[in-house]
C-alpha atoms as a PDB file:
ATOM      1  CA  UNK A   1      45.694  10.116 -94.681  1.00  0.00           C
ATOM      2  CA  UNK A   2      47.944  11.473 -91.932  1.00  0.00           C
ATOM      3  CA  UNK A   3      47.973  14.917 -93.514  1.00  0.00           C
ATOM      4  CA  UNK A   4      44.167  14.871 -93.767  1.00  0.00           C
ATOM      5  CA  UNK A   5      43.850  13.926 -90.107  1.00  0.00           C
ATOM      6  CA  UNK A   6      46.298  16.645 -89.146  1.00  0.00           C
ATOM      7  CA  UNK A   7      44.363  19.223 -91.167  1.00  0.00           C
ATOM      8  CA  UNK A   8      41.074  18.296 -89.504  1.00  0.00           C
ATOM      9  CA  UNK A   9      42.669  18.314 -86.059  1.00  0.00           C
ATOM     10  CA  UNK A  10      44.103  21.789 -86.719  1.00  0.00           C
ATOM     11  CA  UNK A  11      40.657  23.300 -87.295  1.00  0.00           C
ATOM     12  CA  UNK A  12      37.396  23.447 -85.413  1.00  0.00           C
ATOM     13  CA  UNK A  13      33.804  23.781 -86.538  1.00  0.00           C
ATOM     14  CA  UNK A  14      32.389  27.241 -85.858  1.00  0.00           C
ATOM     15  CA  UNK A  15      29.543  28.032 -88.268  1.00  0.00           C
ATOM     16  CA  UNK A  16      26.883  25.390 -88.830  1.00  0.00           C
ATOM     17  CA  UNK A  17      25.430  24.765 -92.299  1.00  0.00           C
ATOM     18  CA  UNK A  18      22.133  26.653 -91.672  1.00  0.00           C
ATOM     19  CA  UNK A  19      24.051  29.742 -90.526  1.00  0.00           C
ATOM     20  CA  UNK A  20      26.281  29.686 -93.601  1.00  0.00           C
ATOM     21  CA  UNK A  21      23.347  29.054 -95.932  1.00  0.00           C
ATOM     22  CA  UNK A  22      21.474  31.954 -94.326  1.00  0.00           C
ATOM     23  CA  UNK A  23      24.462  34.278 -94.657  1.00  0.00           C
ATOM     24  CA  UNK A  24      25.147  33.714 -98.349  1.00  0.00           C
ATOM     25  CA  UNK A  25      21.455  33.520 -99.251  1.00  0.00           C
ATOM     26  CA  UNK A  26      20.952  36.902 -97.591  1.00  0.00           C
ATOM     27  CA  UNK A  27      23.924  38.316 -99.492  1.00  0.00           C
ATOM     28  CA  UNK A  28      22.438  37.089-102.772  1.00  0.00           C
ATOM     29  CA  UNK A  29      18.892  38.254-101.988  1.00  0.00           C
ATOM     30  CA  UNK A  30      20.014  41.747-100.940  1.00  0.00           C
ATOM     31  CA  UNK A  31      22.225  42.051-104.022  1.00  0.00           C
ATOM     32  CA  UNK A  32      19.284  41.031-106.224  1.00  0.00           C
ATOM     33  CA  UNK A  33      17.013  43.505-104.435  1.00  0.00           C
ATOM     34  CA  UNK A  34      19.435  46.388-105.079  1.00  0.00           C
ATOM     35  CA  UNK A  35      20.111  45.466-108.705  1.00  0.00           C
ATOM     36  CA  UNK A  36      16.427  44.966-109.482  1.00  0.00           C
ATOM     37  CA  UNK A  37      15.411  48.236-107.822  1.00  0.00           C
ATOM     38  CA  UNK A  38      16.758  50.344-110.677  1.00  0.00           C
ATOM     39  CA  UNK A  39      14.174  51.550-113.161  1.00  0.00           C
ATOM     40  CA  UNK A  40      14.462  49.678-116.429  1.00  0.00           C
ATOM     41  CA  UNK A  41      16.475  46.859-114.841  1.00  0.00           C
ATOM     42  CA  UNK A  42      15.995  43.544-116.696  1.00  0.00           C
ATOM     43  CA  UNK A  43      15.694  41.987-113.243  1.00  0.00           C
ATOM     44  CA  UNK A  44      13.004  44.436-112.114  1.00  0.00           C
ATOM     45  CA  UNK A  45      10.349  41.732-111.943  1.00  0.00           C
ATOM     46  CA  UNK A  46      12.396  39.969-109.246  1.00  0.00           C
ATOM     47  CA  UNK A  47      12.527  42.903-106.819  1.00  0.00           C
ATOM     48  CA  UNK A  48       9.584  41.872-104.661  1.00  0.00           C
ATOM     49  CA  UNK A  49      10.585  38.207-104.807  1.00  0.00           C
ATOM     50  CA  UNK A  50      13.963  39.176-103.366  1.00  0.00           C
ATOM     51  CA  UNK A  51      12.206  41.132-100.623  1.00  0.00           C
ATOM     52  CA  UNK A  52      10.006  38.202 -99.628  1.00  0.00           C
ATOM     53  CA  UNK A  53      13.013  35.862 -99.611  1.00  0.00           C
ATOM     54  CA  UNK A  54      14.782  38.299 -97.285  1.00  0.00           C
ATOM     55  CA  UNK A  55      11.707  38.281 -95.019  1.00  0.00           C
ATOM     56  CA  UNK A  56      11.871  34.481 -94.759  1.00  0.00           C
ATOM     57  CA  UNK A  57      15.600  34.628 -94.029  1.00  0.00           C
ATOM     58  CA  UNK A  58      15.155  37.225 -91.283  1.00  0.00           C
ATOM     59  CA  UNK A  59      12.450  35.151 -89.601  1.00  0.00           C
ATOM     60  CA  UNK A  60      14.710  32.106 -89.783  1.00  0.00           C
ATOM     61  CA  UNK A  61      17.740  33.926 -88.328  1.00  0.00           C
ATOM     62  CA  UNK A  62      15.783  35.380 -85.432  1.00  0.00           C
ATOM     63  CA  UNK A  63      14.629  31.881 -84.510  1.00  0.00           C
ATOM     64  CA  UNK A  64      18.036  30.333 -85.202  1.00  0.00           C
ATOM     65  CA  UNK A  65      19.547  32.803 -82.771  1.00  0.00           C
ATOM     66  CA  UNK A  66      17.888  30.774 -80.020  1.00  0.00           C
ATOM     67  CA  UNK A  67      17.963  27.206 -81.338  1.00  0.00           C
ATOM     68  CA  UNK A  68      21.103  27.127 -83.517  1.00  0.00           C
ATOM     69  CA  UNK A  69      24.518  25.850 -82.557  1.00  0.00           C
ATOM     70  CA  UNK A  70      26.555  27.520 -79.819  1.00  0.00           C
ATOM     71  CA  UNK A  71      28.184  30.215 -81.965  1.00  0.00           C
ATOM     72  CA  UNK A  72      24.991  31.015 -83.892  1.00  0.00           C
ATOM     73  CA  UNK A  73      22.982  31.791 -80.762  1.00  0.00           C
ATOM     74  CA  UNK A  74      22.553  35.412 -79.686  1.00  0.00           C
ATOM     75  CA  UNK A  75      23.673  34.497 -76.184  1.00  0.00           C
ATOM     76  CA  UNK A  76      27.134  33.744 -77.595  1.00  0.00           C
ATOM     77  CA  UNK A  77      27.830  37.094 -79.265  1.00  0.00           C
ATOM     78  CA  UNK A  78      25.407  39.685 -77.883  1.00  0.00           C
ATOM     79  CA  UNK A  79      27.572  40.936 -75.015  1.00  0.00           C
ATOM     80  CA  UNK A  80      27.090  44.692 -74.541  1.00  0.00           C
ATOM     81  CA  UNK A  81      29.396  44.783 -71.536  1.00  0.00           C
ATOM     82  CA  UNK A  82      32.271  43.402 -73.602  1.00  0.00           C
ATOM     83  CA  UNK A  83      32.125  46.026 -76.363  1.00  0.00           C
ATOM     84  CA  UNK A  84      34.035  48.840 -74.625  1.00  0.00           C
ATOM     85  CA  UNK A  85      36.878  46.575 -73.359  1.00  0.00           C
ATOM     86  CA  UNK A  86      37.109  45.064 -76.846  1.00  0.00           C
ATOM     87  CA  UNK A  87      37.393  48.502 -78.489  1.00  0.00           C
ATOM     88  CA  UNK A  88      39.989  49.620 -75.911  1.00  0.00           C
ATOM     89  CA  UNK A  89      42.036  46.505 -76.618  1.00  0.00           C
ATOM     90  CA  UNK A  90      41.905  47.177 -80.365  1.00  0.00           C
ATOM     91  CA  UNK A  91      43.009  50.789 -79.880  1.00  0.00           C
ATOM     92  CA  UNK A  92      45.866  49.612 -77.675  1.00  0.00           C
ATOM     93  CA  UNK A  93      46.927  47.121 -80.320  1.00  0.00           C
ATOM     94  CA  UNK A  94      45.918  44.066 -78.296  1.00  0.00           C
ATOM     95  CA  UNK A  95      43.928  42.078 -80.810  1.00  0.00           C
ATOM     96  CA  UNK A  96      41.890  39.341 -79.192  1.00  0.00           C
ATOM     97  CA  UNK A  97      40.920  36.441 -81.445  1.00  0.00           C
ATOM     98  CA  UNK A  98      37.327  35.213 -81.125  1.00  0.00           C
ATOM     99  CA  UNK A  99      36.057  31.797 -82.101  1.00  0.00           C
ATOM    100  CA  UNK A 100      32.623  33.130 -83.079  1.00  0.00           C
ATOM    101  CA  UNK A 101      31.658  36.785 -83.476  1.00  0.00           C
ATOM    102  CA  UNK A 102      33.663  39.247 -81.427  1.00  0.00           C
ATOM    103  CA  UNK A 103      31.671  41.890 -79.462  1.00  0.00           C
ATOM    104  CA  UNK A 104      31.784  44.425 -82.322  1.00  0.00           C
ATOM    105  CA  UNK A 105      30.883  41.710 -84.798  1.00  0.00           C
ATOM    106  CA  UNK A 106      27.897  40.828 -82.630  1.00  0.00           C
ATOM    107  CA  UNK A 107      26.695  44.434 -82.764  1.00  0.00           C
ATOM    108  CA  UNK A 108      27.169  44.401 -86.532  1.00  0.00           C
ATOM    109  CA  UNK A 109      24.987  41.299 -86.826  1.00  0.00           C
ATOM    110  CA  UNK A 110      22.189  42.951 -84.832  1.00  0.00           C
ATOM    111  CA  UNK A 111      22.483  46.197 -86.808  1.00  0.00           C
ATOM    112  CA  UNK A 112      22.362  44.354 -90.138  1.00  0.00           C
ATOM    113  CA  UNK A 113      19.378  42.268 -89.073  1.00  0.00           C
ATOM    114  CA  UNK A 114      17.537  45.379 -87.852  1.00  0.00           C
ATOM    115  CA  UNK A 115      18.398  47.376 -90.967  1.00  0.00           C
ATOM    116  CA  UNK A 116      17.396  44.575 -93.314  1.00  0.00           C
ATOM    117  CA  UNK A 117      14.154  44.020 -91.426  1.00  0.00           C
ATOM    118  CA  UNK A 118      13.328  47.750 -91.594  1.00  0.00           C
ATOM    119  CA  UNK A 119      13.890  47.888 -95.355  1.00  0.00           C
ATOM    120  CA  UNK A 120      11.809  44.745 -95.853  1.00  0.00           C
ATOM    121  CA  UNK A 121       9.004  45.976 -93.604  1.00  0.00           C
ATOM    122  CA  UNK A 122       8.686  49.277 -95.457  1.00  0.00           C
ATOM    123  CA  UNK A 123       8.650  47.376 -98.741  1.00  0.00           C
ATOM    124  CA  UNK A 124       5.858  45.138 -97.474  1.00  0.00           C
ATOM    125  CA  UNK A 125       3.988  48.258 -96.372  1.00  0.00           C
ATOM    126  CA  UNK A 126       4.025  49.470 -99.957  1.00  0.00           C
ATOM    127  CA  UNK A 127       2.337  46.264-101.123  1.00  0.00           C
ATOM    128  CA  UNK A 128      -0.556  47.174 -98.831  1.00  0.00           C
ATOM    129  CA  UNK A 129      -1.073  50.473-100.591  1.00  0.00           C
ATOM    130  CA  UNK A 130       0.680  52.389 -97.818  1.00  0.00           C
ATOM    131  CA  UNK A 131       4.286  53.024 -96.962  1.00  0.00           C
ATOM    132  CA  UNK A 132       6.633  55.685 -98.248  1.00  0.00           C
ATOM    133  CA  UNK A 133       8.902  54.885-101.191  1.00  0.00           C
ATOM    134  CA  UNK A 134      11.376  57.634-100.300  1.00  0.00           C
ATOM    135  CA  UNK A 135      11.661  56.307 -96.736  1.00  0.00           C
ATOM    136  CA  UNK A 136      12.085  52.785 -98.118  1.00  0.00           C
ATOM    137  CA  UNK A 137      14.907  53.929-100.395  1.00  0.00           C
ATOM    138  CA  UNK A 138      16.580  55.937 -97.610  1.00  0.00           C
ATOM    139  CA  UNK A 139      16.596  52.883 -95.358  1.00  0.00           C
ATOM    140  CA  UNK A 140      17.944  50.783 -98.224  1.00  0.00           C
ATOM    141  CA  UNK A 141      20.907  53.122 -98.705  1.00  0.00           C
ATOM    142  CA  UNK A 142      21.447  53.160 -94.939  1.00  0.00           C
ATOM    143  CA  UNK A 143      21.591  49.359 -95.064  1.00  0.00           C
ATOM    144  CA  UNK A 144      24.104  49.584 -97.899  1.00  0.00           C
ATOM    145  CA  UNK A 145      26.283  51.753 -95.663  1.00  0.00           C
ATOM    146  CA  UNK A 146      26.078  49.178 -92.861  1.00  0.00           C
ATOM    147  CA  UNK A 147      27.094  46.453 -95.306  1.00  0.00           C
ATOM    148  CA  UNK A 148      30.147  48.449 -96.396  1.00  0.00           C
ATOM    149  CA  UNK A 149      31.180  48.962 -92.761  1.00  0.00           C
ATOM    150  CA  UNK A 150      30.656  45.245 -92.109  1.00  0.00           C
ATOM    151  CA  UNK A 151      32.817  44.194 -95.070  1.00  0.00           C
ATOM    152  CA  UNK A 152      35.592  46.608 -94.051  1.00  0.00           C
ATOM    153  CA  UNK A 153      35.434  45.241 -90.498  1.00  0.00           C
ATOM    154  CA  UNK A 154      35.689  41.652 -91.766  1.00  0.00           C
ATOM    155  CA  UNK A 155      38.740  42.512 -93.878  1.00  0.00           C
ATOM    156  CA  UNK A 156      40.469  44.421 -91.057  1.00  0.00           C
ATOM    157  CA  UNK A 157      39.858  41.700 -88.454  1.00  0.00           C
ATOM    158  CA  UNK A 158      40.938  39.016 -90.916  1.00  0.00           C
ATOM    159  CA  UNK A 159      44.267  40.810 -91.285  1.00  0.00           C
ATOM    160  CA  UNK A 160      44.727  41.536 -87.571  1.00  0.00           C
ATOM    161  CA  UNK A 161      43.801  38.059 -86.327  1.00  0.00           C
ATOM    162  CA  UNK A 162      45.202  36.125 -89.324  1.00  0.00           C
ATOM    163  CA  UNK A 163      41.787  34.429 -89.624  1.00  0.00           C
ATOM    164  CA  UNK A 164      40.182  34.413 -93.056  1.00  0.00           C
ATOM    165  CA  UNK A 165      36.681  35.227 -91.795  1.00  0.00           C
ATOM    166  CA  UNK A 166      35.055  35.117 -95.238  1.00  0.00           C
ATOM    167  CA  UNK A 167      36.497  31.659 -95.888  1.00  0.00           C
ATOM    168  CA  UNK A 168      35.332  30.517 -92.455  1.00  0.00           C
ATOM    169  CA  UNK A 169      31.781  31.505 -93.406  1.00  0.00           C
ATOM    170  CA  UNK A 170      32.131  29.286 -96.479  1.00  0.00           C
ATOM    171  CA  UNK A 171      33.782  26.242 -94.905  1.00  0.00           C
ATOM    172  CA  UNK A 172      32.351  26.664 -91.407  1.00  0.00           C
ATOM    173  CA  UNK A 173      35.780  26.044 -89.880  1.00  0.00           C
ATOM    174  CA  UNK A 174      38.559  28.112 -88.332  1.00  0.00           C
ATOM    175  CA  UNK A 175      42.112  27.256 -87.278  1.00  0.00           C
ATOM    176  CA  UNK A 176      41.932  25.796 -83.778  1.00  0.00           C
ATOM    177  CA  UNK A 177      45.133  27.377 -82.413  1.00  0.00           C
ATOM    178  CA  UNK A 178      44.577  25.607 -79.112  1.00  0.00           C
ATOM    179  CA  UNK A 179      40.915  26.578 -78.778  1.00  0.00           C
ATOM    180  CA  UNK A 180      38.563  23.984 -77.330  1.00  0.00           C
ATOM    181  CA  UNK A 181      35.644  23.234 -79.667  1.00  0.00           C
ATOM    182  CA  UNK A 182      32.105  23.323 -78.346  1.00  0.00           C
ATOM    183  CA  UNK A 183      30.350  19.999 -78.809  1.00  0.00           C
ATOM    184  CA  UNK A 184      26.618  19.455 -78.855  1.00  0.00           C
ATOM    185  CA  UNK A 185      24.676  16.184 -78.995  1.00  0.00           C
ATOM    186  CA  UNK A 186      23.788  15.005 -82.484  1.00  0.00           C
ATOM    187  CA  UNK A 187      20.181  14.641 -81.420  1.00  0.00           C
ATOM    188  CA  UNK A 188      20.011  18.331 -80.526  1.00  0.00           C
ATOM    189  CA  UNK A 189      21.554  19.350 -83.842  1.00  0.00           C
ATOM    190  CA  UNK A 190      19.153  17.117 -85.739  1.00  0.00           C
ATOM    191  CA  UNK A 191      16.119  18.544 -83.924  1.00  0.00           C
ATOM    192  CA  UNK A 192      17.374  22.092 -84.522  1.00  0.00           C
ATOM    193  CA  UNK A 193      17.748  21.399 -88.251  1.00  0.00           C
ATOM    194  CA  UNK A 194      14.237  19.942 -88.430  1.00  0.00           C
ATOM    195  CA  UNK A 195      12.919  23.001 -86.593  1.00  0.00           C
ATOM    196  CA  UNK A 196      14.769  25.246 -89.062  1.00  0.00           C
ATOM    197  CA  UNK A 197      13.077  23.564 -92.018  1.00  0.00           C
ATOM    198  CA  UNK A 198       9.699  23.915 -90.277  1.00  0.00           C
ATOM    199  CA  UNK A 199      10.318  27.622 -89.630  1.00  0.00           C
ATOM    200  CA  UNK A 200      11.159  28.268 -93.267  1.00  0.00           C
ATOM    201  CA  UNK A 201       8.186  26.221 -94.477  1.00  0.00           C
ATOM    202  CA  UNK A 202       5.722  27.971 -92.171  1.00  0.00           C
ATOM    203  CA  UNK A 203       7.119  31.376 -93.139  1.00  0.00           C
ATOM    204  CA  UNK A 204       6.672  30.666 -96.843  1.00  0.00           C
ATOM    205  CA  UNK A 205       3.170  29.324 -96.192  1.00  0.00           C
ATOM    206  CA  UNK A 206       2.184  32.404 -94.197  1.00  0.00           C
ATOM    207  CA  UNK A 207       3.525  34.777 -96.829  1.00  0.00           C
ATOM    208  CA  UNK A 208       1.731  33.001 -99.663  1.00  0.00           C
ATOM    209  CA  UNK A 209      -1.478  33.154 -97.651  1.00  0.00           C
ATOM    210  CA  UNK A 210      -1.044  36.932 -97.651  1.00  0.00           C
ATOM    211  CA  UNK A 211       0.048  37.084-101.300  1.00  0.00           C
ATOM    212  CA  UNK A 212      -0.125  33.880-103.305  1.00  0.00           C
ATOM    213  CA  UNK A 213       2.195  35.320-105.979  1.00  0.00           C
ATOM    214  CA  UNK A 214       4.833  36.530-103.505  1.00  0.00           C
ATOM    215  CA  UNK A 215       7.571  34.262-104.845  1.00  0.00           C
ATOM    216  CA  UNK A 216       6.698  34.668-108.513  1.00  0.00           C
ATOM    217  CA  UNK A 217       8.378  37.412-110.569  1.00  0.00           C
ATOM    218  CA  UNK A 218       6.012  40.177-111.587  1.00  0.00           C
ATOM    219  CA  UNK A 219       5.647  43.888-112.103  1.00  0.00           C
ATOM    220  CA  UNK A 220       7.439  45.834-109.400  1.00  0.00           C
ATOM    221  CA  UNK A 221       4.969  48.691-109.604  1.00  0.00           C
ATOM    222  CA  UNK A 222       2.041  46.304-109.426  1.00  0.00           C
ATOM    223  CA  UNK A 223       3.539  44.477-106.461  1.00  0.00           C
ATOM    224  CA  UNK A 224       4.432  47.631-104.549  1.00  0.00           C
ATOM    225  CA  UNK A 225       0.865  48.808-104.831  1.00  0.00           C
ATOM    226  CA  UNK A 226      -0.568  45.328-104.575  1.00  0.00           C
ATOM    227  CA  UNK A 227      -3.427  46.202-102.236  1.00  0.00           C
ATOM    228  CA  UNK A 228      -5.781  46.255-105.221  1.00  0.00           C
ATOM    229  CA  UNK A 229      -4.611  42.837-106.403  1.00  0.00           C
ATOM    230  CA  UNK A 230      -4.952  41.311-102.931  1.00  0.00           C
ATOM    231  CA  UNK A 231      -8.385  42.859-102.461  1.00  0.00           C
ATOM    232  CA  UNK A 232      -9.367  41.567-105.899  1.00  0.00           C
ATOM    233  CA  UNK A 233      -8.365  38.052-104.839  1.00  0.00           C
ATOM    234  CA  UNK A 234     -10.363  38.481-101.649  1.00  0.00           C
ATOM    235  CA  UNK A 235     -13.478  39.670-103.480  1.00  0.00           C
ATOM    236  CA  UNK A 236     -13.117  36.908-106.054  1.00  0.00           C
ATOM    237  CA  UNK A 237     -13.044  34.381-103.232  1.00  0.00           C
ATOM    238  CA  UNK A 238     -16.165  35.907-101.718  1.00  0.00           C
ATOM    239  CA  UNK A 239     -17.939  35.788-105.068  1.00  0.00           C
ATOM    240  CA  UNK A 240     -17.018  32.126-105.475  1.00  0.00           C
ATOM    241  CA  UNK A 241     -18.379  31.397-101.999  1.00  0.00           C
ATOM    242  CA  UNK A 242     -21.585  33.208-102.893  1.00  0.00           C
ATOM    243  CA  UNK A 243     -22.022  31.059-105.990  1.00  0.00           C
END
């Protein structure tokens, strides 16, 4: 019991459950989107499903950046003025440990969100009978490059700061090392979690209003040029109303 208490006291909570669930869900959805994008892939019917799941996750994270816990909020890690001093310190060998995202990590989060949103948006454009598949693929490979840079950065900073950043995103905790944890009222956390569920639910509802089969596996080609299917649904509804 004493060892357990000591272990808990030696760590502090950094990443809340919604942030961690978002992170690993996004990893899985992007991986599925890339794997299913190959022609002849046995997972090809899941490509558009993965894209719509990513859309829901992006909407959630943008909202969670304002209502999440202290370290999940954009105000905590979007600090443009701190980027240059942080880089200078790294070059000089003065590694500064951060409880949440460091300034470069904050930029990486924004870049990944923007890149993922751009790829998703161009994919959605193709379902409307527009969009450019080559542009969509170019953005997707650009996103892949950002992901590689992000992973390398996580590994390097984990080594330099002796923090296992990947494990922290699984457990939600980091070694305290004298840091003072940020505490928020339980009522606020509970309301934020309820709001998160509402955001996800409304996002799914809105997407299925646009395309009722959005989260069902189907033909990638048919989904990417789904304007005809959506218009067919619309005309069918009009015909039913006329009857």
